[in-house]
Amino acid sequence: MPWARSASRFDRRVTGRHLRVSLVEPGAVETELSSHNRPEVLESIKERFADVERLQADDIAEAIVYIVTRPRHVAINEMLIRPTEQEQ
């Protein structure tokens, strides 16, 4: 994942400045973005997550609030958030 390596390099450059870099990796989230896919992709998404209660945008927003409200000495470098029923 080239973006993860870039984030890691950026993180090392800003650490001494008390800036924090966090990577939030959401699993299946119920958003309008999926409607922008081709019909065959939409069908695949529906099949894959048919029995999964997907995350809501507020779930991700709450995670971000948690990250940015930690004390200055705490850095949340990565956060993987998935629905409990999502296998991968």
PDB file of N, CA and C in Angstrom:
ATOM      1  N   MET A   1       0.831  -1.174   0.000  1.00  0.00           N
ATOM      2  CA  MET A   1       0.000   0.000   0.000  1.00  0.00           C
ATOM      3  C   MET A   1       0.884   1.249   0.000  1.00  0.00           C
ATOM      4  N   PRO A   2       1.084   1.833  -1.156  1.00  0.00           N
ATOM      5  CA  PRO A   2       1.975   3.003  -1.225  1.00  0.00           C
ATOM      6  C   PRO A   2       1.506   4.170  -0.381  1.00  0.00           C
ATOM      7  N   TRP A   3       0.196   4.381  -0.246  1.00  0.00           N
ATOM      8  CA  TRP A   3      -0.309   5.498   0.565  1.00  0.00           C
ATOM      9  C   TRP A   3       0.037   5.292   2.031  1.00  0.00           C
ATOM     10  N   ALA A   4       0.080   4.049   2.488  1.00  0.00           N
ATOM     11  CA  ALA A   4       0.429   3.787   3.891  1.00  0.00           C
ATOM     12  C   ALA A   4       1.898   4.108   4.130  1.00  0.00           C
ATOM     13  N   ARG A   5       2.749   3.767   3.180  1.00  0.00           N
ATOM     14  CA  ARG A   5       4.176   4.101   3.332  1.00  0.00           C
ATOM     15  C   ARG A   5       4.368   5.612   3.339  1.00  0.00           C
ATOM     16  N   SER A   6       3.630   6.320   2.481  1.00  0.00           N
ATOM     17  CA  SER A   6       3.728   7.778   2.447  1.00  0.00           C
ATOM     18  C   SER A   6       3.275   8.377   3.764  1.00  0.00           C
ATOM     19  N   ALA A   7       2.182   7.861   4.313  1.00  0.00           N
ATOM     20  CA  ALA A   7       1.693   8.354   5.602  1.00  0.00           C
ATOM     21  C   ALA A   7       2.719   8.100   6.684  1.00  0.00           C
ATOM     22  N   SER A   8       3.360   6.946   6.643  1.00  0.00           N
ATOM     23  CA  SER A   8       4.368   6.614   7.642  1.00  0.00           C
ATOM     24  C   SER A   8       5.566   7.562   7.547  1.00  0.00           C
ATOM     25  N   ARG A   9       6.017   7.839   6.332  1.00  0.00           N
ATOM     26  CA  ARG A   9       7.129   8.777   6.156  1.00  0.00           C
ATOM     27  C   ARG A   9       6.743  10.173   6.634  1.00  0.00           C
ATOM     28  N   PHE A  10       5.556  10.605   6.301  1.00  0.00           N
ATOM     29  CA  PHE A  10       5.066  11.907   6.747  1.00  0.00           C
ATOM     30  C   PHE A  10       5.019  11.944   8.267  1.00  0.00           C
ATOM     31  N   ASP A  11       4.542  10.887   8.870  1.00  0.00           N
ATOM     32  CA  ASP A  11       4.438  10.793  10.324  1.00  0.00           C
ATOM     33  C   ASP A  11       5.805  10.990  10.969  1.00  0.00           C
ATOM     34  N   ARG A  12       6.838  10.363  10.432  1.00  0.00           N
ATOM     35  CA  ARG A  12       8.188  10.506  10.999  1.00  0.00           C
ATOM     36  C   ARG A  12       8.694  11.942  10.896  1.00  0.00           C
ATOM     37  N   ARG A  13       8.303  12.652   9.848  1.00  0.00           N
ATOM     38  CA  ARG A  13       8.770  14.020   9.654  1.00  0.00           C
ATOM     39  C   ARG A  13       8.117  15.012  10.607  1.00  0.00           C
ATOM     40  N   VAL A  14       6.923  14.725  11.087  1.00  0.00           N
ATOM     41  CA  VAL A  14       6.212  15.689  11.912  1.00  0.00           C
ATOM     42  C   VAL A  14       6.187  15.329  13.394  1.00  0.00           C
ATOM     43  N   THR A  15       6.710  14.189  13.772  1.00  0.00           N
ATOM     44  CA  THR A  15       6.630  13.717  15.157  1.00  0.00           C
ATOM     45  C   THR A  15       7.192  14.736  16.149  1.00  0.00           C
ATOM     46  N   GLY A  16       8.328  15.318  15.877  1.00  0.00           N
ATOM     47  CA  GLY A  16       8.950  16.274  16.783  1.00  0.00           C
ATOM     48  C   GLY A  16       8.194  17.579  16.909  1.00  0.00           C
ATOM     49  N   ARG A  17       7.218  17.791  16.088  1.00  0.00           N
ATOM     50  CA  ARG A  17       6.435  19.033  16.102  1.00  0.00           C
ATOM     51  C   ARG A  17       5.086  18.877  16.805  1.00  0.00           C
ATOM     52  N   HIS A  18       4.868  17.758  17.426  1.00  0.00           N
ATOM     53  CA  HIS A  18       3.606  17.448  18.110  1.00  0.00           C
ATOM     54  C   HIS A  18       2.419  17.410  17.153  1.00  0.00           C
ATOM     55  N   LEU A  19       2.691  17.160  15.894  1.00  0.00           N
ATOM     56  CA  LEU A  19       1.615  16.914  14.940  1.00  0.00           C
ATOM     57  C   LEU A  19       1.371  15.415  14.917  1.00  0.00           C
ATOM     58  N   ARG A  20       0.132  15.027  14.747  1.00  0.00           N
ATOM     59  CA  ARG A  20      -0.191  13.602  14.728  1.00  0.00           C
ATOM     60  C   ARG A  20      -0.811  13.235  13.389  1.00  0.00           C
ATOM     61  N   VAL A  21      -0.432  12.071  12.904  1.00  0.00           N
ATOM     62  CA  VAL A  21      -0.959  11.550  11.656  1.00  0.00           C
ATOM     63  C   VAL A  21      -1.668  10.244  11.973  1.00  0.00           C
ATOM     64  N   SER A  22      -2.903  10.125  11.544  1.00  0.00           N
ATOM     65  CA  SER A  22      -3.670   8.905  11.779  1.00  0.00           C
ATOM     66  C   SER A  22      -4.213   8.378  10.464  1.00  0.00           C
ATOM     67  N   LEU A  23      -4.219   7.061  10.342  1.00  0.00           N
ATOM     68  CA  LEU A  23      -4.775   6.388   9.187  1.00  0.00           C
ATOM     69  C   LEU A  23      -6.017   5.644   9.649  1.00  0.00           C
ATOM     70  N   VAL A  24      -7.182   6.025   9.127  1.00  0.00           N
ATOM     71  CA  VAL A  24      -8.441   5.370   9.472  1.00  0.00           C
ATOM     72  C   VAL A  24      -8.820   4.469   8.299  1.00  0.00           C
ATOM     73  N   GLU A  25      -8.967   3.184   8.584  1.00  0.00           N
ATOM     74  CA  GLU A  25      -9.284   2.200   7.557  1.00  0.00           C
ATOM     75  C   GLU A  25     -10.666   1.601   7.841  1.00  0.00           C
ATOM     76  N   PRO A  26     -11.700   2.132   7.207  1.00  0.00           N
ATOM     77  CA  PRO A  26     -13.038   1.601   7.465  1.00  0.00           C
ATOM     78  C   PRO A  26     -13.314   0.356   6.638  1.00  0.00           C
ATOM     79  N   GLY A  27     -14.097  -0.530   7.208  1.00  0.00           N
ATOM     80  CA  GLY A  27     -14.573  -1.688   6.471  1.00  0.00           C
ATOM     81  C   GLY A  27     -15.801  -1.283   5.674  1.00  0.00           C
ATOM     82  N   ALA A  28     -16.786  -2.164   5.646  1.00  0.00           N
ATOM     83  CA  ALA A  28     -18.004  -1.916   4.874  1.00  0.00           C
ATOM     84  C   ALA A  28     -18.824  -0.803   5.528  1.00  0.00           C
ATOM     85  N   VAL A  29     -18.992   0.293   4.797  1.00  0.00           N
ATOM     86  CA  VAL A  29     -19.748   1.442   5.295  1.00  0.00           C
ATOM     87  C   VAL A  29     -20.909   1.706   4.341  1.00  0.00           C
ATOM     88  N   GLU A  30     -22.062   1.930   4.900  1.00  0.00           N
ATOM     89  CA  GLU A  30     -23.260   2.242   4.107  1.00  0.00           C
ATOM     90  C   GLU A  30     -23.180   3.711   3.691  1.00  0.00           C
ATOM     91  N   THR A  31     -22.829   3.947   2.433  1.00  0.00           N
ATOM     92  CA  THR A  31     -22.759   5.320   1.921  1.00  0.00           C
ATOM     93  C   THR A  31     -23.356   5.365   0.519  1.00  0.00           C
ATOM     94  N   GLU A  32     -23.538   6.562   0.018  1.00  0.00           N
ATOM     95  CA  GLU A  32     -24.039   6.720  -1.340  1.00  0.00           C
ATOM     96  C   GLU A  32     -22.964   6.451  -2.382  1.00  0.00           C
ATOM     97  N   LEU A  33     -21.716   6.320  -1.969  1.00  0.00           N
ATOM     98  CA  LEU A  33     -20.624   6.115  -2.922  1.00  0.00           C
ATOM     99  C   LEU A  33     -20.770   4.815  -3.707  1.00  0.00           C
ATOM    100  N   SER A  34     -21.310   3.790  -3.072  1.00  0.00           N
ATOM    101  CA  SER A  34     -21.450   2.518  -3.788  1.00  0.00           C
ATOM    102  C   SER A  34     -22.366   2.651  -5.004  1.00  0.00           C
ATOM    103  N   SER A  35     -23.280   3.587  -4.984  1.00  0.00           N
ATOM    104  CA  SER A  35     -24.192   3.759  -6.116  1.00  0.00           C
ATOM    105  C   SER A  35     -23.487   4.292  -7.358  1.00  0.00           C
ATOM    106  N   HIS A  36     -22.258   4.725  -7.231  1.00  0.00           N
ATOM    107  CA  HIS A  36     -21.495   5.244  -8.368  1.00  0.00           C
ATOM    108  C   HIS A  36     -20.733   4.152  -9.108  1.00  0.00           C
ATOM    109  N   ASN A  37     -20.891   2.898  -8.664  1.00  0.00           N
ATOM    110  CA  ASN A  37     -20.220   1.769  -9.315  1.00  0.00           C
ATOM    111  C   ASN A  37     -21.043   1.231 -10.478  1.00  0.00           C
ATOM    112  N   ARG A  38     -20.372   0.458 -11.308  1.00  0.00           N
ATOM    113  CA  ARG A  38     -21.051  -0.215 -12.416  1.00  0.00           C
ATOM    114  C   ARG A  38     -22.044  -1.233 -11.848  1.00  0.00           C
ATOM    115  N   PRO A  39     -23.082  -1.565 -12.577  1.00  0.00           N
ATOM    116  CA  PRO A  39     -24.099  -2.496 -12.073  1.00  0.00           C
ATOM    117  C   PRO A  39     -23.532  -3.834 -11.598  1.00  0.00           C
ATOM    118  N   GLU A  40     -22.552  -4.387 -12.313  1.00  0.00           N
ATOM    119  CA  GLU A  40     -21.989  -5.681 -11.899  1.00  0.00           C
ATOM    120  C   GLU A  40     -21.202  -5.559 -10.585  1.00  0.00           C
ATOM    121  N   VAL A  41     -20.600  -4.408 -10.350  1.00  0.00           N
ATOM    122  CA  VAL A  41     -19.891  -4.173  -9.085  1.00  0.00           C
ATOM    123  C   VAL A  41     -20.904  -4.011  -7.959  1.00  0.00           C
ATOM    124  N   LEU A  42     -21.975  -3.285  -8.221  1.00  0.00           N
ATOM    125  CA  LEU A  42     -23.044  -3.122  -7.225  1.00  0.00           C
ATOM    126  C   LEU A  42     -23.604  -4.480  -6.807  1.00  0.00           C
ATOM    127  N   GLU A  43     -23.821  -5.355  -7.772  1.00  0.00           N
ATOM    128  CA  GLU A  43     -24.350  -6.686  -7.478  1.00  0.00           C
ATOM    129  C   GLU A  43     -23.360  -7.477  -6.616  1.00  0.00           C
ATOM    130  N   SER A  44     -22.096  -7.368  -6.928  1.00  0.00           N
ATOM    131  CA  SER A  44     -21.061  -8.054  -6.148  1.00  0.00           C
ATOM    132  C   SER A  44     -21.030  -7.544  -4.699  1.00  0.00           C
ATOM    133  N   ILE A  45     -21.152  -6.239  -4.535  1.00  0.00           N
ATOM    134  CA  ILE A  45     -21.173  -5.638  -3.199  1.00  0.00           C
ATOM    135  C   ILE A  45     -22.384  -6.139  -2.422  1.00  0.00           C
ATOM    136  N   LYS A  46     -23.545  -6.167  -3.082  1.00  0.00           N
ATOM    137  CA  LYS A  46     -24.765  -6.633  -2.419  1.00  0.00           C
ATOM    138  C   LYS A  46     -24.635  -8.083  -1.963  1.00  0.00           C
ATOM    139  N   GLU A  47     -24.052  -8.915  -2.823  1.00  0.00           N
ATOM    140  CA  GLU A  47     -23.868 -10.332  -2.470  1.00  0.00           C
ATOM    141  C   GLU A  47     -22.877 -10.494  -1.320  1.00  0.00           C
ATOM    142  N   ARG A  48     -21.766  -9.794  -1.414  1.00  0.00           N
ATOM    143  CA  ARG A  48     -20.708  -9.947  -0.408  1.00  0.00           C
ATOM    144  C   ARG A  48     -21.160  -9.508   0.979  1.00  0.00           C
ATOM    145  N   PHE A  49     -21.952  -8.443   1.040  1.00  0.00           N
ATOM    146  CA  PHE A  49     -22.338  -7.881   2.333  1.00  0.00           C
ATOM    147  C   PHE A  49     -23.830  -8.055   2.644  1.00  0.00           C
ATOM    148  N   ALA A  50     -24.451  -9.034   2.029  1.00  0.00           N
ATOM    149  CA  ALA A  50     -25.887  -9.250   2.215  1.00  0.00           C
ATOM    150  C   ALA A  50     -26.256  -9.485   3.676  1.00  0.00           C
ATOM    151  N   ASP A  51     -25.436 -10.222   4.403  1.00  0.00           N
ATOM    152  CA  ASP A  51     -25.747 -10.574   5.792  1.00  0.00           C
ATOM    153  C   ASP A  51     -24.959  -9.739   6.800  1.00  0.00           C
ATOM    154  N   VAL A  52     -24.376  -8.650   6.337  1.00  0.00           N
ATOM    155  CA  VAL A  52     -23.539  -7.812   7.196  1.00  0.00           C
ATOM    156  C   VAL A  52     -24.242  -6.486   7.462  1.00  0.00           C
ATOM    157  N   GLU A  53     -24.372  -6.141   8.720  1.00  0.00           N
ATOM    158  CA  GLU A  53     -24.880  -4.812   9.062  1.00  0.00           C
ATOM    159  C   GLU A  53     -23.719  -3.841   8.902  1.00  0.00           C
ATOM    160  N   ARG A  54     -23.756  -3.046   7.852  1.00  0.00           N
ATOM    161  CA  ARG A  54     -22.636  -2.155   7.543  1.00  0.00           C
ATOM    162  C   ARG A  54     -22.554  -0.994   8.526  1.00  0.00           C
ATOM    163  N   LEU A  55     -21.348  -0.461   8.626  1.00  0.00           N
ATOM    164  CA  LEU A  55     -21.123   0.718   9.452  1.00  0.00           C
ATOM    165  C   LEU A  55     -21.863   1.904   8.849  1.00  0.00           C
ATOM    166  N   GLN A  56     -22.144   2.877   9.679  1.00  0.00           N
ATOM    167  CA  GLN A  56     -22.753   4.126   9.232  1.00  0.00           C
ATOM    168  C   GLN A  56     -21.677   5.216   9.244  1.00  0.00           C
ATOM    169  N   ALA A  57     -21.919   6.278   8.516  1.00  0.00           N
ATOM    170  CA  ALA A  57     -20.965   7.391   8.468  1.00  0.00           C
ATOM    171  C   ALA A  57     -20.679   7.907   9.878  1.00  0.00           C
ATOM    172  N   ASP A  58     -21.681   7.925  10.740  1.00  0.00           N
ATOM    173  CA  ASP A  58     -21.484   8.392  12.118  1.00  0.00           C
ATOM    174  C   ASP A  58     -20.504   7.515  12.892  1.00  0.00           C
ATOM    175  N   ASP A  59     -20.454   6.214  12.583  1.00  0.00           N
ATOM    176  CA  ASP A  59     -19.496   5.330  13.246  1.00  0.00           C
ATOM    177  C   ASP A  59     -18.064   5.774  12.954  1.00  0.00           C
ATOM    178  N   ILE A  60     -17.820   6.130  11.713  1.00  0.00           N
ATOM    179  CA  ILE A  60     -16.480   6.579  11.318  1.00  0.00           C
ATOM    180  C   ILE A  60     -16.211   7.962  11.892  1.00  0.00           C
ATOM    181  N   ALA A  61     -17.205   8.824  11.868  1.00  0.00           N
ATOM    182  CA  ALA A  61     -17.049  10.173  12.430  1.00  0.00           C
ATOM    183  C   ALA A  61     -16.705  10.101  13.917  1.00  0.00           C
ATOM    184  N   GLU A  62     -17.361   9.209  14.652  1.00  0.00           N
ATOM    185  CA  GLU A  62     -17.064   9.064  16.080  1.00  0.00           C
ATOM    186  C   GLU A  62     -15.634   8.578  16.309  1.00  0.00           C
ATOM    187  N   ALA A  63     -15.155   7.716  15.436  1.00  0.00           N
ATOM    188  CA  ALA A  63     -13.772   7.245  15.548  1.00  0.00           C
ATOM    189  C   ALA A  63     -12.794   8.396  15.331  1.00  0.00           C
ATOM    190  N   ILE A  64     -13.099   9.242  14.362  1.00  0.00           N
ATOM    191  CA  ILE A  64     -12.234  10.396  14.089  1.00  0.00           C
ATOM    192  C   ILE A  64     -12.268  11.373  15.257  1.00  0.00           C
ATOM    193  N   VAL A  65     -13.433  11.592  15.835  1.00  0.00           N
ATOM    194  CA  VAL A  65     -13.525  12.448  17.016  1.00  0.00           C
ATOM    195  C   VAL A  65     -12.660  11.881  18.138  1.00  0.00           C
ATOM    196  N   TYR A  66     -12.717  10.572  18.318  1.00  0.00           N
ATOM    197  CA  TYR A  66     -11.882   9.937  19.345  1.00  0.00           C
ATOM    198  C   TYR A  66     -10.405  10.229  19.082  1.00  0.00           C
ATOM    199  N   ILE A  67      -9.969  10.069  17.851  1.00  0.00           N
ATOM    200  CA  ILE A  67      -8.561  10.287  17.502  1.00  0.00           C
ATOM    201  C   ILE A  67      -8.134  11.721  17.810  1.00  0.00           C
ATOM    202  N   VAL A  68      -8.910  12.690  17.358  1.00  0.00           N
ATOM    203  CA  VAL A  68      -8.482  14.088  17.468  1.00  0.00           C
ATOM    204  C   VAL A  68      -8.681  14.676  18.860  1.00  0.00           C
ATOM    205  N   THR A  69      -9.374  13.966  19.730  1.00  0.00           N
ATOM    206  CA  THR A  69      -9.576  14.497  21.083  1.00  0.00           C
ATOM    207  C   THR A  69      -8.669  13.828  22.116  1.00  0.00           C
ATOM    208  N   ARG A  70      -7.727  13.012  21.673  1.00  0.00           N
ATOM    209  CA  ARG A  70      -6.768  12.429  22.618  1.00  0.00           C
ATOM    210  C   ARG A  70      -5.819  13.517  23.111  1.00  0.00           C
ATOM    211  N   PRO A  71      -5.261  13.330  24.310  1.00  0.00           N
ATOM    212  CA  PRO A  71      -4.281  14.297  24.813  1.00  0.00           C
ATOM    213  C   PRO A  71      -3.087  14.421  23.860  1.00  0.00           C
ATOM    214  N   ARG A  72      -2.393  15.499  23.969  1.00  0.00           N
ATOM    215  CA  ARG A  72      -1.278  15.825  23.067  1.00  0.00           C
ATOM    216  C   ARG A  72      -0.225  14.727  23.004  1.00  0.00           C
ATOM    217  N   HIS A  73      -0.037  14.008  24.099  1.00  0.00           N
ATOM    218  CA  HIS A  73       1.015  12.984  24.132  1.00  0.00           C
ATOM    219  C   HIS A  73       0.564  11.627  23.572  1.00  0.00           C
ATOM    220  N   VAL A  74      -0.676  11.535  23.094  1.00  0.00           N
ATOM    221  CA  VAL A  74      -1.219  10.277  22.574  1.00  0.00           C
ATOM    222  C   VAL A  74      -1.392  10.380  21.063  1.00  0.00           C
ATOM    223  N   ALA A  75      -0.840   9.400  20.348  1.00  0.00           N
ATOM    224  CA  ALA A  75      -0.998   9.346  18.893  1.00  0.00           C
ATOM    225  C   ALA A  75      -1.667   8.026  18.522  1.00  0.00           C
ATOM    226  N   ILE A  76      -2.775   8.101  17.838  1.00  0.00           N
ATOM    227  CA  ILE A  76      -3.437   6.919  17.293  1.00  0.00           C
ATOM    228  C   ILE A  76      -2.957   6.829  15.844  1.00  0.00           C
ATOM    229  N   ASN A  77      -2.002   5.958  15.586  1.00  0.00           N
ATOM    230  CA  ASN A  77      -1.403   5.895  14.260  1.00  0.00           C
ATOM    231  C   ASN A  77      -2.305   5.234  13.224  1.00  0.00           C
ATOM    232  N   GLU A  78      -2.959   4.148  13.617  1.00  0.00           N
ATOM    233  CA  GLU A  78      -3.845   3.440  12.699  1.00  0.00           C
ATOM    234  C   GLU A  78      -5.094   2.978  13.431  1.00  0.00           C
ATOM    235  N   MET A  79      -6.212   2.998  12.714  1.00  0.00           N
ATOM    236  CA  MET A  79      -7.447   2.487  13.285  1.00  0.00           C
ATOM    237  C   MET A  79      -8.193   1.732  12.184  1.00  0.00           C
ATOM    238  N   LEU A  80      -8.364   0.430  12.401  1.00  0.00           N
ATOM    239  CA  LEU A  80      -9.120  -0.417  11.487  1.00  0.00           C
ATOM    240  C   LEU A  80     -10.499  -0.616  12.092  1.00  0.00           C
ATOM    241  N   ILE A  81     -11.535  -0.237  11.363  1.00  0.00           N
ATOM    242  CA  ILE A  81     -12.899  -0.304  11.872  1.00  0.00           C
ATOM    243  C   ILE A  81     -13.727  -1.155  10.914  1.00  0.00           C
ATOM    244  N   ARG A  82     -14.267  -2.254  11.419  1.00  0.00           N
ATOM    245  CA  ARG A  82     -15.085  -3.129  10.586  1.00  0.00           C
ATOM    246  C   ARG A  82     -16.375  -3.473  11.311  1.00  0.00           C
ATOM    247  N   PRO A  83     -17.409  -3.796  10.521  1.00  0.00           N
ATOM    248  CA  PRO A  83     -18.609  -4.350  11.156  1.00  0.00           C
ATOM    249  C   PRO A  83     -18.230  -5.680  11.814  1.00  0.00           C
ATOM    250  N   THR A  84     -18.894  -6.025  12.895  1.00  0.00           N
ATOM    251  CA  THR A  84     -18.522  -7.248  13.600  1.00  0.00           C
ATOM    252  C   THR A  84     -18.689  -8.493  12.727  1.00  0.00           C
ATOM    253  N   GLU A  85     -19.590  -8.466  11.759  1.00  0.00           N
ATOM    254  CA  GLU A  85     -19.817  -9.629  10.915  1.00  0.00           C
ATOM    255  C   GLU A  85     -18.923  -9.670   9.676  1.00  0.00           C
ATOM    256  N   GLN A  86     -18.149  -8.634   9.427  1.00  0.00           N
ATOM    257  CA  GLN A  86     -17.309  -8.600   8.228  1.00  0.00           C
ATOM    258  C   GLN A  86     -16.075  -9.461   8.442  1.00  0.00           C
ATOM    259  N   GLU A  87     -15.832 -10.394   7.519  1.00  0.00           N
ATOM    260  CA  GLU A  87     -14.708 -11.309   7.664  1.00  0.00           C
ATOM    261  C   GLU A  87     -13.390 -10.679   7.235  1.00  0.00           C
ATOM    262  N   GLN A  88     -13.391  -9.897   6.185  1.00  0.00           N
ATOM    263  CA  GLN A  88     -12.167  -9.234   5.749  1.00  0.00           C
ATOM    264  C   GLN A  88     -12.456  -8.000   4.961  1.00  0.00           C
TER     265      GLN A  88
END
